[in-house]
């Protein structure tokens, strides 16, 4: 994901804080989506990421990487570290707020990821390149992704039974890191 901030010619005063802030527009452009084949080994997945990040223009940009450790845990993240990638690590949780658990590790509620994705999507700031490999698959996943409220009042988010949601969560995690995390993230991989 490429995060671009474009400054505008207008400014807003924050009287309480005593400063002016330049208006700006933000754009989050998803230019590459790729669902790796089921059954691909973790070393092969890591090598695929290494190869992608070595291609121009990414090789010159040195993008940050964020991975989803929810299902597989720390050992796979450690394999990324051993390959020299040193990703930011996200574990999807329940709850209401994100928490940091180390220098590059966060636990982020699924509801927070999805609401952030919805907000940036509806504002037009999130844009998916039509030419991206799995753009059509992402579009279908977004159609299938549903919010449900249980009888107890708890909100859950998931794809319909039998459908994928890995691309939706991949974009949501990357977008959360770009907007809420400490650094701008340009790539994401769900493992």
N, C-alpha and C. Protein backbone atom coordinates (compact mmCIF):
# COMPACT_ATOMS: atom_id res chain seq x y z
N UNK A 1 0.85 -1.17 0.00
CA UNK A 1 0.00 0.00 0.00
C UNK A 1 0.90 1.23 0.00
N UNK A 2 0.58 2.13 -0.88
CA UNK A 2 1.31 3.39 -0.95
C UNK A 2 0.48 4.46 -0.26
N UNK A 3 1.02 5.08 0.76
CA UNK A 3 0.33 6.14 1.51
C UNK A 3 0.90 7.47 1.06
N UNK A 4 0.03 8.30 0.44
CA UNK A 4 0.45 9.61 -0.03
C UNK A 4 -0.30 10.70 0.71
N UNK A 5 0.41 11.71 1.15
CA UNK A 5 -0.17 12.88 1.79
C UNK A 5 0.11 14.07 0.88
N UNK A 6 -0.98 14.76 0.49
CA UNK A 6 -0.85 15.91 -0.41
C UNK A 6 -1.26 17.16 0.36
N UNK A 7 -0.32 18.08 0.63
CA UNK A 7 -0.67 19.32 1.34
C UNK A 7 -1.51 20.24 0.47
N UNK A 8 -2.47 20.93 1.10
CA UNK A 8 -3.34 21.88 0.41
C UNK A 8 -2.90 23.30 0.74
N UNK A 9 -3.50 24.27 0.08
CA UNK A 9 -3.14 25.68 0.30
C UNK A 9 -3.88 26.30 1.49
N UNK A 10 -4.72 25.54 2.14
CA UNK A 10 -5.51 26.08 3.25
C UNK A 10 -4.99 25.58 4.59
N UNK A 11 -5.26 26.38 5.64
CA UNK A 11 -4.79 26.07 6.99
C UNK A 11 -5.95 26.20 7.96
N UNK A 12 -5.90 25.43 9.05
CA UNK A 12 -6.89 25.52 10.11
C UNK A 12 -6.17 25.82 11.41
N UNK A 13 -6.78 26.72 12.19
CA UNK A 13 -6.19 27.07 13.48
C UNK A 13 -6.76 26.17 14.57
N UNK A 14 -5.88 25.68 15.41
CA UNK A 14 -6.29 24.97 16.61
C UNK A 14 -6.08 25.95 17.76
N UNK A 15 -7.13 26.66 18.10
CA UNK A 15 -7.03 27.74 19.10
C UNK A 15 -6.60 27.19 20.45
N UNK A 16 -7.19 26.06 20.84
CA UNK A 16 -6.88 25.48 22.15
C UNK A 16 -5.40 25.11 22.28
N UNK A 17 -4.85 24.51 21.22
CA UNK A 17 -3.44 24.10 21.26
C UNK A 17 -2.49 25.21 20.86
N UNK A 18 -3.02 26.26 20.24
CA UNK A 18 -2.18 27.40 19.89
C UNK A 18 -1.33 27.22 18.65
N UNK A 19 -1.82 26.48 17.65
CA UNK A 19 -1.04 26.34 16.42
C UNK A 19 -1.99 26.23 15.23
N UNK A 20 -1.40 26.36 14.03
CA UNK A 20 -2.12 26.19 12.78
C UNK A 20 -1.71 24.87 12.15
N UNK A 21 -2.64 24.21 11.48
CA UNK A 21 -2.36 22.95 10.80
C UNK A 21 -2.76 23.07 9.34
N UNK A 22 -1.84 22.70 8.48
CA UNK A 22 -2.12 22.76 7.05
C UNK A 22 -3.08 21.63 6.67
N UNK A 23 -4.12 21.99 5.89
CA UNK A 23 -5.05 20.97 5.40
C UNK A 23 -4.31 20.06 4.43
N UNK A 24 -4.81 18.86 4.29
CA UNK A 24 -4.16 17.90 3.40
C UNK A 24 -5.17 16.85 2.96
N UNK A 25 -4.85 16.17 1.91
CA UNK A 25 -5.61 15.00 1.51
C UNK A 25 -4.68 13.80 1.65
N UNK A 26 -5.27 12.67 1.94
CA UNK A 26 -4.50 11.44 2.05
C UNK A 26 -5.08 10.43 1.07
N UNK A 27 -4.19 9.64 0.51
CA UNK A 27 -4.60 8.57 -0.39
C UNK A 27 -3.84 7.31 0.00
N UNK A 28 -4.54 6.21 -0.02
CA UNK A 28 -3.96 4.90 0.28
C UNK A 28 -4.20 4.05 -0.95
N UNK A 29 -3.15 3.84 -1.73
CA UNK A 29 -3.27 3.14 -3.01
C UNK A 29 -2.74 1.72 -2.89
N UNK A 30 -3.62 0.76 -3.10
CA UNK A 30 -3.24 -0.65 -3.12
C UNK A 30 -2.90 -1.00 -4.55
N UNK A 31 -1.64 -1.26 -4.79
CA UNK A 31 -1.18 -1.49 -6.16
C UNK A 31 -0.85 -2.96 -6.44
N UNK A 32 -0.70 -3.73 -5.38
CA UNK A 32 -0.39 -5.15 -5.56
C UNK A 32 -1.16 -5.96 -4.53
N UNK A 33 -1.88 -6.95 -5.01
CA UNK A 33 -2.57 -7.92 -4.16
C UNK A 33 -2.24 -9.29 -4.70
N UNK A 34 -1.91 -10.19 -3.80
CA UNK A 34 -1.59 -11.53 -4.26
C UNK A 34 -1.94 -12.53 -3.17
N UNK A 35 -2.80 -13.45 -3.52
CA UNK A 35 -3.13 -14.55 -2.60
C UNK A 35 -2.19 -15.70 -2.95
N UNK A 36 -1.35 -16.06 -2.01
CA UNK A 36 -0.41 -17.15 -2.25
C UNK A 36 -1.16 -18.48 -2.23
N UNK A 37 -0.69 -19.46 -2.98
CA UNK A 37 -1.39 -20.73 -3.07
C UNK A 37 -1.48 -21.44 -1.72
N UNK A 38 -2.63 -22.06 -1.46
CA UNK A 38 -2.78 -22.86 -0.24
C UNK A 38 -1.74 -23.97 -0.26
N UNK A 39 -1.19 -24.25 0.88
CA UNK A 39 -0.20 -25.31 0.99
C UNK A 39 1.22 -24.85 0.73
N UNK A 40 1.42 -23.60 0.32
CA UNK A 40 2.77 -23.10 0.09
C UNK A 40 3.49 -23.05 1.45
N UNK A 41 4.68 -23.58 1.51
CA UNK A 41 5.41 -23.63 2.78
C UNK A 41 5.79 -22.22 3.24
N UNK A 42 6.01 -22.07 4.54
CA UNK A 42 6.40 -20.77 5.05
C UNK A 42 7.73 -20.30 4.47
N UNK A 43 8.74 -21.16 4.34
CA UNK A 43 9.97 -20.69 3.69
C UNK A 43 9.73 -20.20 2.26
N UNK A 44 8.83 -20.85 1.52
CA UNK A 44 8.52 -20.38 0.16
C UNK A 44 7.79 -19.04 0.21
N UNK A 45 6.87 -18.87 1.17
CA UNK A 45 6.17 -17.60 1.31
C UNK A 45 7.15 -16.47 1.62
N UNK A 46 8.07 -16.75 2.52
CA UNK A 46 9.05 -15.73 2.90
C UNK A 46 9.92 -15.38 1.70
N UNK A 47 10.34 -16.38 0.94
CA UNK A 47 11.16 -16.12 -0.25
C UNK A 47 10.38 -15.30 -1.26
N UNK A 48 9.08 -15.55 -1.40
CA UNK A 48 8.25 -14.76 -2.32
C UNK A 48 8.24 -13.29 -1.90
N UNK A 49 8.13 -13.04 -0.60
CA UNK A 49 8.14 -11.67 -0.10
C UNK A 49 9.51 -11.03 -0.32
N UNK A 50 10.57 -11.77 -0.05
CA UNK A 50 11.92 -11.27 -0.30
C UNK A 50 12.06 -10.87 -1.76
N UNK A 51 11.59 -11.72 -2.68
CA UNK A 51 11.68 -11.43 -4.11
C UNK A 51 10.86 -10.18 -4.49
N UNK A 52 9.65 -10.06 -3.93
CA UNK A 52 8.81 -8.89 -4.22
C UNK A 52 9.48 -7.60 -3.75
N UNK A 53 10.02 -7.61 -2.56
CA UNK A 53 10.63 -6.41 -2.00
C UNK A 53 11.96 -6.06 -2.67
N UNK A 54 12.53 -7.00 -3.43
CA UNK A 54 13.79 -6.75 -4.13
C UNK A 54 13.56 -6.15 -5.52
N UNK A 55 12.30 -6.09 -5.97
CA UNK A 55 11.99 -5.55 -7.30
C UNK A 55 11.89 -4.03 -7.26
N UNK A 56 12.28 -3.38 -8.36
CA UNK A 56 12.04 -1.94 -8.45
C UNK A 56 10.53 -1.66 -8.50
N UNK A 57 10.04 -0.60 -7.95
CA UNK A 57 10.74 0.44 -7.22
C UNK A 57 10.87 0.14 -5.72
N UNK A 58 10.32 -1.03 -5.29
CA UNK A 58 10.34 -1.33 -3.85
C UNK A 58 11.75 -1.45 -3.30
N UNK A 59 12.68 -1.94 -4.10
CA UNK A 59 14.05 -2.09 -3.62
C UNK A 59 14.64 -0.76 -3.19
N UNK A 60 14.29 0.31 -3.89
CA UNK A 60 14.82 1.64 -3.56
C UNK A 60 14.03 2.30 -2.43
N UNK A 61 12.74 1.97 -2.32
CA UNK A 61 11.88 2.60 -1.30
C UNK A 61 12.07 2.01 0.09
N UNK A 62 12.55 0.77 0.15
CA UNK A 62 12.72 0.07 1.43
C UNK A 62 11.42 0.11 2.25
N UNK A 63 10.32 -0.43 1.71
CA UNK A 63 9.05 -0.36 2.43
C UNK A 63 9.07 -1.20 3.70
N UNK A 64 8.23 -0.82 4.61
CA UNK A 64 8.05 -1.58 5.84
C UNK A 64 7.09 -2.73 5.54
N UNK A 65 7.21 -3.78 6.29
CA UNK A 65 6.38 -4.96 6.11
C UNK A 65 5.60 -5.21 7.39
N UNK A 66 4.34 -5.57 7.26
CA UNK A 66 3.53 -5.96 8.41
C UNK A 66 2.92 -7.32 8.11
N UNK A 67 2.97 -8.21 9.08
CA UNK A 67 2.41 -9.55 8.90
C UNK A 67 1.33 -9.79 9.96
N UNK A 68 0.42 -10.68 9.60
CA UNK A 68 -0.64 -11.10 10.51
C UNK A 68 -0.21 -12.41 11.15
N UNK A 69 0.05 -12.36 12.45
CA UNK A 69 0.48 -13.56 13.18
C UNK A 69 -0.68 -14.29 13.86
N UNK A 70 -1.89 -13.88 13.60
CA UNK A 70 -3.03 -14.39 14.35
C UNK A 70 -3.09 -15.90 14.39
N UNK A 71 -3.04 -16.55 13.25
CA UNK A 71 -3.22 -18.00 13.22
C UNK A 71 -1.96 -18.79 13.50
N UNK A 72 -0.81 -18.26 13.13
CA UNK A 72 0.42 -19.04 13.18
C UNK A 72 1.34 -18.68 14.33
N UNK A 73 1.20 -17.48 14.86
CA UNK A 73 1.99 -17.09 16.01
C UNK A 73 3.40 -16.63 15.69
N UNK A 74 4.17 -16.49 16.77
CA UNK A 74 5.51 -15.92 16.68
C UNK A 74 6.51 -16.71 15.85
N UNK A 75 6.46 -18.05 15.83
CA UNK A 75 7.52 -18.76 15.09
C UNK A 75 7.65 -18.35 13.63
N UNK A 76 6.55 -18.12 12.95
CA UNK A 76 6.64 -17.72 11.55
C UNK A 76 7.17 -16.30 11.45
N UNK A 77 6.74 -15.43 12.35
CA UNK A 77 7.30 -14.08 12.40
C UNK A 77 8.80 -14.13 12.62
N UNK A 78 9.23 -15.05 13.47
CA UNK A 78 10.67 -15.21 13.72
C UNK A 78 11.41 -15.65 12.46
N UNK A 79 10.73 -16.44 11.62
CA UNK A 79 11.34 -16.85 10.35
C UNK A 79 11.53 -15.65 9.43
N UNK A 80 10.57 -14.72 9.44
CA UNK A 80 10.72 -13.49 8.66
C UNK A 80 11.91 -12.68 9.19
N UNK A 81 12.04 -12.61 10.52
CA UNK A 81 13.18 -11.92 11.11
C UNK A 81 14.49 -12.55 10.66
N UNK A 82 14.54 -13.88 10.69
CA UNK A 82 15.77 -14.59 10.31
C UNK A 82 16.12 -14.34 8.84
N UNK A 83 15.12 -14.06 8.02
CA UNK A 83 15.36 -13.76 6.59
C UNK A 83 15.75 -12.30 6.39
N UNK A 84 15.85 -11.53 7.49
CA UNK A 84 16.27 -10.14 7.40
C UNK A 84 15.16 -9.15 7.12
N UNK A 85 13.89 -9.58 7.18
CA UNK A 85 12.77 -8.70 6.85
C UNK A 85 12.26 -7.88 8.03
N UNK A 86 12.38 -8.37 9.23
CA UNK A 86 12.00 -7.67 10.46
C UNK A 86 10.64 -6.97 10.36
N UNK A 87 9.58 -7.76 10.18
CA UNK A 87 8.25 -7.16 9.98
C UNK A 87 7.65 -6.62 11.27
N UNK A 88 6.70 -5.71 11.10
CA UNK A 88 5.80 -5.35 12.19
C UNK A 88 4.81 -6.50 12.26
N UNK A 89 4.40 -6.86 13.48
CA UNK A 89 3.55 -8.03 13.66
C UNK A 89 2.22 -7.63 14.29
N UNK A 90 1.14 -8.12 13.69
CA UNK A 90 -0.21 -7.84 14.19
C UNK A 90 -0.87 -9.17 14.55
N UNK A 91 -1.52 -9.19 15.70
CA UNK A 91 -2.40 -10.29 16.08
C UNK A 91 -3.80 -9.70 16.20
N UNK A 92 -4.74 -10.28 15.47
CA UNK A 92 -6.12 -9.81 15.50
C UNK A 92 -6.80 -10.35 16.74
N UNK A 93 -7.44 -9.45 17.49
CA UNK A 93 -8.07 -9.83 18.75
C UNK A 93 -9.51 -9.35 18.80
N UNK A 94 -10.15 -9.65 19.91
CA UNK A 94 -11.44 -9.05 20.24
C UNK A 94 -11.12 -7.80 21.06
N UNK A 95 -12.12 -7.13 21.54
CA UNK A 95 -11.87 -5.98 22.40
C UNK A 95 -12.15 -4.67 21.69
N UNK A 96 -11.67 -3.58 22.30
CA UNK A 96 -11.99 -2.25 21.81
C UNK A 96 -10.78 -1.40 21.44
N UNK A 97 -9.60 -1.74 21.94
CA UNK A 97 -8.45 -0.89 21.64
C UNK A 97 -7.22 -1.71 21.34
N UNK A 98 -6.36 -1.13 20.52
CA UNK A 98 -5.11 -1.77 20.14
C UNK A 98 -4.10 -1.62 21.28
N UNK A 99 -3.27 -2.62 21.44
CA UNK A 99 -2.21 -2.56 22.45
C UNK A 99 -0.90 -3.00 21.83
N UNK A 100 0.17 -2.38 22.28
CA UNK A 100 1.50 -2.73 21.78
C UNK A 100 2.14 -3.71 22.74
N UNK A 101 2.76 -4.75 22.19
CA UNK A 101 3.38 -5.82 22.99
C UNK A 101 4.82 -6.04 22.57
N UNK A 102 5.58 -5.00 22.55
CA UNK A 102 6.96 -5.06 22.09
C UNK A 102 7.18 -3.99 21.04
N UNK A 103 8.42 -3.87 20.62
CA UNK A 103 8.78 -2.79 19.71
C UNK A 103 8.00 -2.83 18.39
N UNK A 104 7.73 -4.02 17.88
CA UNK A 104 7.09 -4.13 16.57
C UNK A 104 5.90 -5.09 16.59
N UNK A 105 5.24 -5.23 17.73
CA UNK A 105 4.15 -6.19 17.87
C UNK A 105 2.93 -5.51 18.48
N UNK A 106 1.77 -5.70 17.82
CA UNK A 106 0.52 -5.12 18.29
C UNK A 106 -0.59 -6.15 18.29
N UNK A 107 -1.50 -6.01 19.23
CA UNK A 107 -2.76 -6.75 19.23
C UNK A 107 -3.83 -5.74 18.86
N UNK A 108 -4.57 -6.01 17.79
CA UNK A 108 -5.53 -5.05 17.26
C UNK A 108 -6.90 -5.72 17.12
N UNK A 109 -7.94 -5.12 17.73
CA UNK A 109 -9.28 -5.70 17.59
C UNK A 109 -9.76 -5.69 16.14
N UNK A 110 -10.41 -6.77 15.76
CA UNK A 110 -10.92 -6.90 14.40
C UNK A 110 -11.89 -5.76 14.07
N UNK A 111 -12.72 -5.39 15.03
CA UNK A 111 -13.67 -4.30 14.81
C UNK A 111 -12.97 -2.99 14.47
N UNK A 112 -11.85 -2.74 15.11
CA UNK A 112 -11.07 -1.53 14.84
C UNK A 112 -10.49 -1.57 13.43
N UNK A 113 -9.99 -2.72 13.03
CA UNK A 113 -9.45 -2.88 11.67
C UNK A 113 -10.52 -2.62 10.62
N UNK A 114 -11.69 -3.22 10.83
CA UNK A 114 -12.76 -3.12 9.83
C UNK A 114 -13.37 -1.72 9.80
N UNK A 115 -13.58 -1.11 10.95
CA UNK A 115 -14.16 0.24 10.95
C UNK A 115 -13.22 1.24 10.29
N UNK A 116 -11.91 1.09 10.49
CA UNK A 116 -10.93 1.94 9.83
C UNK A 116 -10.96 1.72 8.32
N UNK A 117 -11.05 0.47 7.90
CA UNK A 117 -11.15 0.13 6.48
C UNK A 117 -12.41 0.76 5.87
N UNK A 118 -13.54 0.62 6.56
CA UNK A 118 -14.79 1.19 6.06
C UNK A 118 -14.70 2.71 5.94
N UNK A 119 -14.15 3.36 6.95
CA UNK A 119 -14.06 4.83 6.94
C UNK A 119 -13.24 5.33 5.76
N UNK A 120 -12.08 4.74 5.54
CA UNK A 120 -11.22 5.20 4.45
C UNK A 120 -11.75 4.78 3.08
N UNK A 121 -12.48 3.68 3.04
CA UNK A 121 -13.09 3.26 1.79
C UNK A 121 -14.23 4.20 1.40
N UNK A 122 -15.09 4.52 2.35
CA UNK A 122 -16.23 5.40 2.07
C UNK A 122 -15.80 6.83 1.78
N UNK A 123 -14.68 7.27 2.33
CA UNK A 123 -14.21 8.63 2.08
C UNK A 123 -13.54 8.77 0.72
N UNK A 124 -13.25 7.65 0.08
CA UNK A 124 -12.57 7.68 -1.21
C UNK A 124 -11.05 7.71 -1.08
N UNK A 125 -10.54 7.70 0.13
CA UNK A 125 -9.09 7.75 0.34
C UNK A 125 -8.42 6.42 0.00
N UNK A 126 -9.13 5.32 0.18
CA UNK A 126 -8.59 4.00 -0.13
C UNK A 126 -8.95 3.66 -1.57
N UNK A 127 -7.91 3.38 -2.35
CA UNK A 127 -8.13 3.06 -3.75
C UNK A 127 -7.39 1.76 -4.09
N UNK A 128 -8.08 0.90 -4.81
CA UNK A 128 -7.52 -0.38 -5.20
C UNK A 128 -7.27 -0.34 -6.71
N UNK A 129 -6.05 -0.58 -7.12
CA UNK A 129 -5.73 -0.58 -8.55
C UNK A 129 -6.46 -1.73 -9.23
N UNK A 130 -7.21 -1.41 -10.27
CA UNK A 130 -7.96 -2.43 -11.00
C UNK A 130 -7.03 -3.49 -11.59
N UNK A 131 -5.80 -3.09 -11.89
CA UNK A 131 -4.84 -4.01 -12.51
C UNK A 131 -4.15 -4.92 -11.49
N UNK A 132 -4.38 -4.69 -10.20
CA UNK A 132 -3.76 -5.55 -9.18
C UNK A 132 -4.23 -6.99 -9.38
N UNK A 133 -3.31 -7.94 -9.21
CA UNK A 133 -3.60 -9.35 -9.49
C UNK A 133 -4.92 -9.83 -8.93
N UNK A 134 -5.17 -9.61 -7.66
CA UNK A 134 -6.36 -10.13 -7.00
C UNK A 134 -7.37 -9.05 -6.65
N UNK A 135 -7.41 -7.98 -7.44
CA UNK A 135 -8.38 -6.90 -7.19
C UNK A 135 -9.82 -7.41 -7.29
N UNK A 136 -10.09 -8.25 -8.27
CA UNK A 136 -11.45 -8.80 -8.41
C UNK A 136 -11.79 -9.70 -7.22
N UNK A 137 -10.82 -10.46 -6.75
CA UNK A 137 -11.05 -11.32 -5.59
C UNK A 137 -11.33 -10.48 -4.34
N UNK A 138 -10.61 -9.38 -4.18
CA UNK A 138 -10.86 -8.48 -3.05
C UNK A 138 -12.27 -7.91 -3.12
N UNK A 139 -12.68 -7.52 -4.30
CA UNK A 139 -14.03 -6.98 -4.48
C UNK A 139 -15.08 -8.00 -4.05
N UNK A 140 -14.89 -9.25 -4.43
CA UNK A 140 -15.83 -10.31 -4.02
C UNK A 140 -15.79 -10.53 -2.51
N UNK A 141 -14.59 -10.52 -1.93
CA UNK A 141 -14.48 -10.68 -0.48
C UNK A 141 -15.21 -9.56 0.26
N UNK A 142 -15.08 -8.35 -0.24
CA UNK A 142 -15.75 -7.22 0.41
C UNK A 142 -17.27 -7.38 0.35
N UNK A 143 -17.78 -7.94 -0.74
CA UNK A 143 -19.22 -8.21 -0.84
C UNK A 143 -19.67 -9.25 0.18
N UNK A 144 -18.82 -10.24 0.43
CA UNK A 144 -19.16 -11.34 1.33
C UNK A 144 -18.90 -11.02 2.80
N UNK A 145 -18.15 -9.98 3.07
CA UNK A 145 -17.76 -9.66 4.44
C UNK A 145 -18.92 -9.01 5.16
N UNK A 146 -19.33 -9.57 6.28
CA UNK A 146 -20.53 -9.10 6.98
C UNK A 146 -20.23 -8.78 8.44
N UNK A 147 -21.00 -7.81 8.92
CA UNK A 147 -20.98 -7.46 10.34
C UNK A 147 -22.23 -8.09 10.95
N UNK A 148 -22.06 -8.79 12.06
CA UNK A 148 -23.19 -9.42 12.74
C UNK A 148 -23.19 -9.00 14.20
N UNK A 149 -24.38 -8.80 14.73
CA UNK A 149 -24.52 -8.47 16.15
C UNK A 149 -25.27 -9.62 16.81
N UNK A 150 -24.64 -10.21 17.81
CA UNK A 150 -25.24 -11.36 18.50
C UNK A 150 -26.38 -10.91 19.41
N UNK A 151 -27.12 -11.87 19.92
CA UNK A 151 -28.21 -11.55 20.85
C UNK A 151 -27.68 -10.88 22.11
N UNK A 152 -26.42 -11.15 22.44
CA UNK A 152 -25.80 -10.53 23.62
C UNK A 152 -25.26 -9.14 23.31
N UNK A 153 -25.39 -8.70 22.04
CA UNK A 153 -24.93 -7.37 21.67
C UNK A 153 -23.49 -7.28 21.23
N UNK A 154 -22.84 -8.42 21.04
CA UNK A 154 -21.44 -8.42 20.59
C UNK A 154 -21.39 -8.39 19.07
N UNK A 155 -20.48 -7.58 18.55
CA UNK A 155 -20.32 -7.45 17.11
C UNK A 155 -19.22 -8.39 16.64
N UNK A 156 -19.51 -9.12 15.56
CA UNK A 156 -18.51 -9.98 14.93
C UNK A 156 -18.43 -9.62 13.45
N UNK A 157 -17.28 -9.90 12.86
CA UNK A 157 -17.04 -9.61 11.45
C UNK A 157 -16.45 -10.86 10.82
N UNK A 158 -17.01 -11.26 9.70
CA UNK A 158 -16.47 -12.43 9.02
C UNK A 158 -17.08 -12.55 7.64
N UNK A 159 -16.39 -13.32 6.81
CA UNK A 159 -16.93 -13.65 5.49
C UNK A 159 -18.02 -14.70 5.69
N UNK A 160 -18.89 -14.83 4.70
CA UNK A 160 -19.92 -15.86 4.79
C UNK A 160 -19.23 -17.22 4.82
N UNK A 161 -19.92 -18.22 5.29
CA UNK A 161 -19.34 -19.56 5.41
C UNK A 161 -18.83 -20.02 4.05
N UNK A 162 -17.60 -20.52 4.05
CA UNK A 162 -17.00 -21.02 2.83
C UNK A 162 -16.30 -19.97 1.98
N UNK A 163 -16.39 -18.70 2.37
CA UNK A 163 -15.75 -17.63 1.60
C UNK A 163 -14.46 -17.19 2.28
N UNK A 164 -13.59 -16.58 1.51
CA UNK A 164 -12.33 -16.06 2.04
C UNK A 164 -12.51 -14.64 2.58
N UNK A 165 -11.63 -14.25 3.51
CA UNK A 165 -11.57 -12.86 3.95
C UNK A 165 -10.13 -12.41 4.13
N UNK A 166 -9.18 -13.19 3.62
CA UNK A 166 -7.77 -12.88 3.84
C UNK A 166 -7.33 -11.59 3.15
N UNK A 167 -7.85 -11.29 1.97
CA UNK A 167 -7.46 -10.05 1.30
C UNK A 167 -8.06 -8.84 2.01
N UNK A 168 -9.31 -8.96 2.47
CA UNK A 168 -9.94 -7.87 3.22
C UNK A 168 -9.11 -7.56 4.47
N UNK A 169 -8.74 -8.61 5.20
CA UNK A 169 -7.97 -8.39 6.43
C UNK A 169 -6.56 -7.90 6.13
N UNK A 170 -5.99 -8.34 5.02
CA UNK A 170 -4.67 -7.87 4.63
C UNK A 170 -4.67 -6.36 4.41
N UNK A 171 -5.65 -5.89 3.64
CA UNK A 171 -5.76 -4.45 3.38
C UNK A 171 -6.09 -3.71 4.67
N UNK A 172 -6.97 -4.28 5.50
CA UNK A 172 -7.35 -3.62 6.75
C UNK A 172 -6.17 -3.48 7.70
N UNK A 173 -5.34 -4.51 7.79
CA UNK A 173 -4.16 -4.47 8.67
C UNK A 173 -3.16 -3.42 8.17
N UNK A 174 -2.90 -3.42 6.88
CA UNK A 174 -1.97 -2.45 6.31
C UNK A 174 -2.46 -1.03 6.51
N UNK A 175 -3.75 -0.83 6.28
CA UNK A 175 -4.34 0.50 6.44
C UNK A 175 -4.30 0.94 7.90
N UNK A 176 -4.57 0.02 8.82
CA UNK A 176 -4.50 0.38 10.25
C UNK A 176 -3.08 0.81 10.61
N UNK A 177 -2.10 0.06 10.15
CA UNK A 177 -0.71 0.40 10.47
C UNK A 177 -0.34 1.76 9.87
N UNK A 178 -0.82 2.05 8.67
CA UNK A 178 -0.51 3.32 8.02
C UNK A 178 -1.18 4.49 8.72
N UNK A 179 -2.35 4.28 9.30
CA UNK A 179 -3.09 5.39 9.89
C UNK A 179 -3.00 5.45 11.40
N UNK A 180 -2.85 4.33 12.05
CA UNK A 180 -2.86 4.29 13.51
C UNK A 180 -1.53 3.87 14.12
N UNK A 181 -0.75 3.14 13.36
CA UNK A 181 0.51 2.64 13.86
C UNK A 181 1.59 3.72 13.86
N UNK A 182 2.77 3.40 14.32
CA UNK A 182 3.83 4.39 14.46
C UNK A 182 4.54 4.77 13.17
N UNK A 183 4.39 3.95 12.12
CA UNK A 183 5.11 4.20 10.88
C UNK A 183 4.20 3.96 9.70
N UNK A 184 4.56 4.51 8.54
CA UNK A 184 3.82 4.25 7.31
C UNK A 184 4.26 2.91 6.76
N UNK A 185 3.29 2.09 6.41
CA UNK A 185 3.57 0.75 5.91
C UNK A 185 3.19 0.69 4.44
N UNK A 186 4.05 0.06 3.66
CA UNK A 186 3.79 -0.02 2.23
C UNK A 186 3.47 -1.44 1.78
N UNK A 187 3.68 -2.44 2.60
CA UNK A 187 3.39 -3.80 2.20
C UNK A 187 2.81 -4.57 3.37
N UNK A 188 2.10 -5.64 3.04
CA UNK A 188 1.49 -6.45 4.07
C UNK A 188 1.41 -7.87 3.56
N UNK A 189 1.51 -8.81 4.45
CA UNK A 189 1.36 -10.21 4.09
C UNK A 189 0.59 -10.89 5.20
N UNK A 190 -0.43 -11.62 4.83
CA UNK A 190 -1.15 -12.46 5.80
C UNK A 190 -0.57 -13.85 5.69
N UNK A 191 -0.17 -14.41 6.82
CA UNK A 191 0.42 -15.75 6.80
C UNK A 191 -0.47 -16.72 7.54
